[in-house]
Amino acid sequence: MPVFFKLLIRSCLEGIAVGWVFLAILVVANVGQLGDRIFASSTPILALFLLGVGFAITFGSASMGIAVMSLSKSSIEFEDDDKDPDYKFPY
């Protein structure tokens, strides 16, 4: 697997973990009566699942974006032989 995909997968998983920890803190600290509203509903599992998916997508995507934007031109490695290592980026 190319190094770039490993970077994306690792940063996405890190972002998901950060998002879920942040969600847990919000629910446990009862910020904006979020915990009370979730557990007073008739389907708290569904509410937690939907919040968890939303936080996972948001924080995972943000973490992947930060990882890609922090790459420098010299940190990109060419693993395939058919690609030119002397390729100049257009910017």
C-alpha atoms as a PDB file:
ATOM      1  CA  MET A   1       0.000   0.000   0.000  1.00  0.00           C
ATOM      2  CA  PRO A   2       1.416   3.420  -0.915  1.00  0.00           C
ATOM      3  CA  VAL A   3       2.639   5.664   1.853  1.00  0.00           C
ATOM      4  CA  PHE A   4       0.098   8.345   0.963  1.00  0.00           C
ATOM      5  CA  PHE A   5      -2.865   6.025   1.559  1.00  0.00           C
ATOM      6  CA  LYS A   6      -1.389   4.904   4.876  1.00  0.00           C
ATOM      7  CA  LEU A   7      -1.129   8.567   5.861  1.00  0.00           C
ATOM      8  CA  LEU A   8      -4.759   9.184   4.912  1.00  0.00           C
ATOM      9  CA  ILE A   9      -6.065   6.117   6.749  1.00  0.00           C
ATOM     10  CA  ARG A  10      -4.054   6.861   9.881  1.00  0.00           C
ATOM     11  CA  SER A  11      -5.059  10.512   9.986  1.00  0.00           C
ATOM     12  CA  CYS A  12      -8.719   9.642   9.352  1.00  0.00           C
ATOM     13  CA  LEU A  13      -8.757   7.151  12.226  1.00  0.00           C
ATOM     14  CA  GLU A  14      -7.065   9.687  14.494  1.00  0.00           C
ATOM     15  CA  GLY A  15      -9.656  12.303  13.553  1.00  0.00           C
ATOM     16  CA  ILE A  16     -12.518   9.876  14.216  1.00  0.00           C
ATOM     17  CA  ALA A  17     -11.077   9.075  17.645  1.00  0.00           C
ATOM     18  CA  VAL A  18     -10.726  12.772  18.481  1.00  0.00           C
ATOM     19  CA  GLY A  19     -14.285  13.434  17.318  1.00  0.00           C
ATOM     20  CA  TRP A  20     -15.739  10.621  19.414  1.00  0.00           C
ATOM     21  CA  VAL A  21     -13.788  11.739  22.489  1.00  0.00           C
ATOM     22  CA  PHE A  22     -15.054  15.281  21.958  1.00  0.00           C
ATOM     23  CA  LEU A  23     -18.622  13.988  21.600  1.00  0.00           C
ATOM     24  CA  ALA A  24     -18.270  11.941  24.783  1.00  0.00           C
ATOM     25  CA  ILE A  25     -17.035  15.012  26.647  1.00  0.00           C
ATOM     26  CA  LEU A  26     -19.989  17.045  25.369  1.00  0.00           C
ATOM     27  CA  VAL A  27     -22.502  14.375  26.407  1.00  0.00           C
ATOM     28  CA  VAL A  28     -20.954  13.656  29.818  1.00  0.00           C
ATOM     29  CA  ALA A  29     -20.473  17.356  30.631  1.00  0.00           C
ATOM     30  CA  ASN A  30     -24.078  17.913  29.531  1.00  0.00           C
ATOM     31  CA  VAL A  31     -23.183  20.961  27.447  1.00  0.00           C
ATOM     32  CA  GLY A  32     -26.378  22.670  26.342  1.00  0.00           C
ATOM     33  CA  GLN A  33     -28.328  19.909  28.090  1.00  0.00           C
ATOM     34  CA  LEU A  34     -27.241  17.576  25.283  1.00  0.00           C
ATOM     35  CA  GLY A  35     -26.918  14.518  27.515  1.00  0.00           C
ATOM     36  CA  ASP A  36     -30.303  15.117  29.110  1.00  0.00           C
ATOM     37  CA  ARG A  37     -31.981  15.510  25.730  1.00  0.00           C
ATOM     38  CA  ILE A  38     -30.365  12.372  24.308  1.00  0.00           C
ATOM     39  CA  PHE A  39     -31.153  10.088  27.227  1.00  0.00           C
ATOM     40  CA  ALA A  40     -34.669  11.502  27.675  1.00  0.00           C
ATOM     41  CA  SER A  41     -35.571  10.596  24.110  1.00  0.00           C
ATOM     42  CA  SER A  42     -37.315   7.369  23.193  1.00  0.00           C
ATOM     43  CA  THR A  43     -34.328   6.217  21.092  1.00  0.00           C
ATOM     44  CA  PRO A  44     -31.067   7.334  22.704  1.00  0.00           C
ATOM     45  CA  ILE A  45     -29.059   4.723  20.786  1.00  0.00           C
ATOM     46  CA  LEU A  46     -30.162   6.194  17.467  1.00  0.00           C
ATOM     47  CA  ALA A  47     -29.349   9.731  18.612  1.00  0.00           C
ATOM     48  CA  LEU A  48     -25.873   8.703  19.774  1.00  0.00           C
ATOM     49  CA  PHE A  49     -25.287   6.762  16.553  1.00  0.00           C
ATOM     50  CA  LEU A  50     -26.241   9.722  14.368  1.00  0.00           C
ATOM     51  CA  LEU A  51     -24.108  12.110  16.402  1.00  0.00           C
ATOM     52  CA  GLY A  52     -21.214   9.651  16.321  1.00  0.00           C
ATOM     53  CA  VAL A  53     -21.394   9.307  12.536  1.00  0.00           C
ATOM     54  CA  GLY A  54     -21.585  13.062  12.095  1.00  0.00           C
ATOM     55  CA  PHE A  55     -18.632  13.709  14.374  1.00  0.00           C
ATOM     56  CA  ALA A  56     -16.637  10.897  12.718  1.00  0.00           C
ATOM     57  CA  ILE A  57     -17.172  12.321   9.236  1.00  0.00           C
ATOM     58  CA  THR A  58     -16.424  15.883  10.315  1.00  0.00           C
ATOM     59  CA  PHE A  59     -13.328  15.243  12.410  1.00  0.00           C
ATOM     60  CA  GLY A  60     -11.988  12.462  10.165  1.00  0.00           C
ATOM     61  CA  SER A  61     -12.239  14.676   7.086  1.00  0.00           C
ATOM     62  CA  ALA A  62     -10.660  17.614   8.886  1.00  0.00           C
ATOM     63  CA  SER A  63      -7.780  15.454  10.071  1.00  0.00           C
ATOM     64  CA  MET A  64      -7.200  14.095   6.566  1.00  0.00           C
ATOM     65  CA  GLY A  65      -7.255  17.611   5.151  1.00  0.00           C
ATOM     66  CA  ILE A  66      -4.722  18.805   7.695  1.00  0.00           C
ATOM     67  CA  ALA A  67      -2.467  15.833   6.903  1.00  0.00           C
ATOM     68  CA  VAL A  68      -2.596  16.484   3.153  1.00  0.00           C
ATOM     69  CA  MET A  69      -2.116  20.233   3.467  1.00  0.00           C
ATOM     70  CA  SER A  70       0.891  19.798   5.747  1.00  0.00           C
ATOM     71  CA  LEU A  71       2.755  17.668   3.191  1.00  0.00           C
ATOM     72  CA  SER A  72       5.705  19.341   1.558  1.00  0.00           C
ATOM     73  CA  LYS A  73       6.837  18.729  -1.992  1.00  0.00           C
ATOM     74  CA  SER A  74       9.917  16.852  -0.825  1.00  0.00           C
ATOM     75  CA  SER A  75       7.943  14.503   1.445  1.00  0.00           C
ATOM     76  CA  ILE A  76       6.060  12.876  -1.432  1.00  0.00           C
ATOM     77  CA  GLU A  77       7.764   9.622  -2.394  1.00  0.00           C
ATOM     78  CA  PHE A  78       7.390   8.009  -5.776  1.00  0.00           C
ATOM     79  CA  GLU A  79       7.057   4.239  -5.410  1.00  0.00           C
ATOM     80  CA  ASP A  80       6.084   3.326  -8.959  1.00  0.00           C
ATOM     81  CA  ASP A  81       8.782   3.003 -11.602  1.00  0.00           C
ATOM     82  CA  ASP A  82       6.622   4.516 -14.318  1.00  0.00           C
ATOM     83  CA  LYS A  83       6.394   7.861 -12.542  1.00  0.00           C
ATOM     84  CA  ASP A  84       9.044  10.465 -13.030  1.00  0.00           C
ATOM     85  CA  PRO A  85      10.716  11.430  -9.725  1.00  0.00           C
ATOM     86  CA  ASP A  86      11.851  14.681 -11.359  1.00  0.00           C
ATOM     87  CA  TYR A  87       8.265  15.762 -12.016  1.00  0.00           C
ATOM     88  CA  LYS A  88       7.795  19.419 -11.214  1.00  0.00           C
ATOM     89  CA  PHE A  89       4.577  20.408  -9.527  1.00  0.00           C
ATOM     90  CA  PRO A  90       2.664  23.042 -11.487  1.00  0.00           C
ATOM     91  CA  TYR A  91       2.642  25.490  -8.600  1.00  0.00           C
END
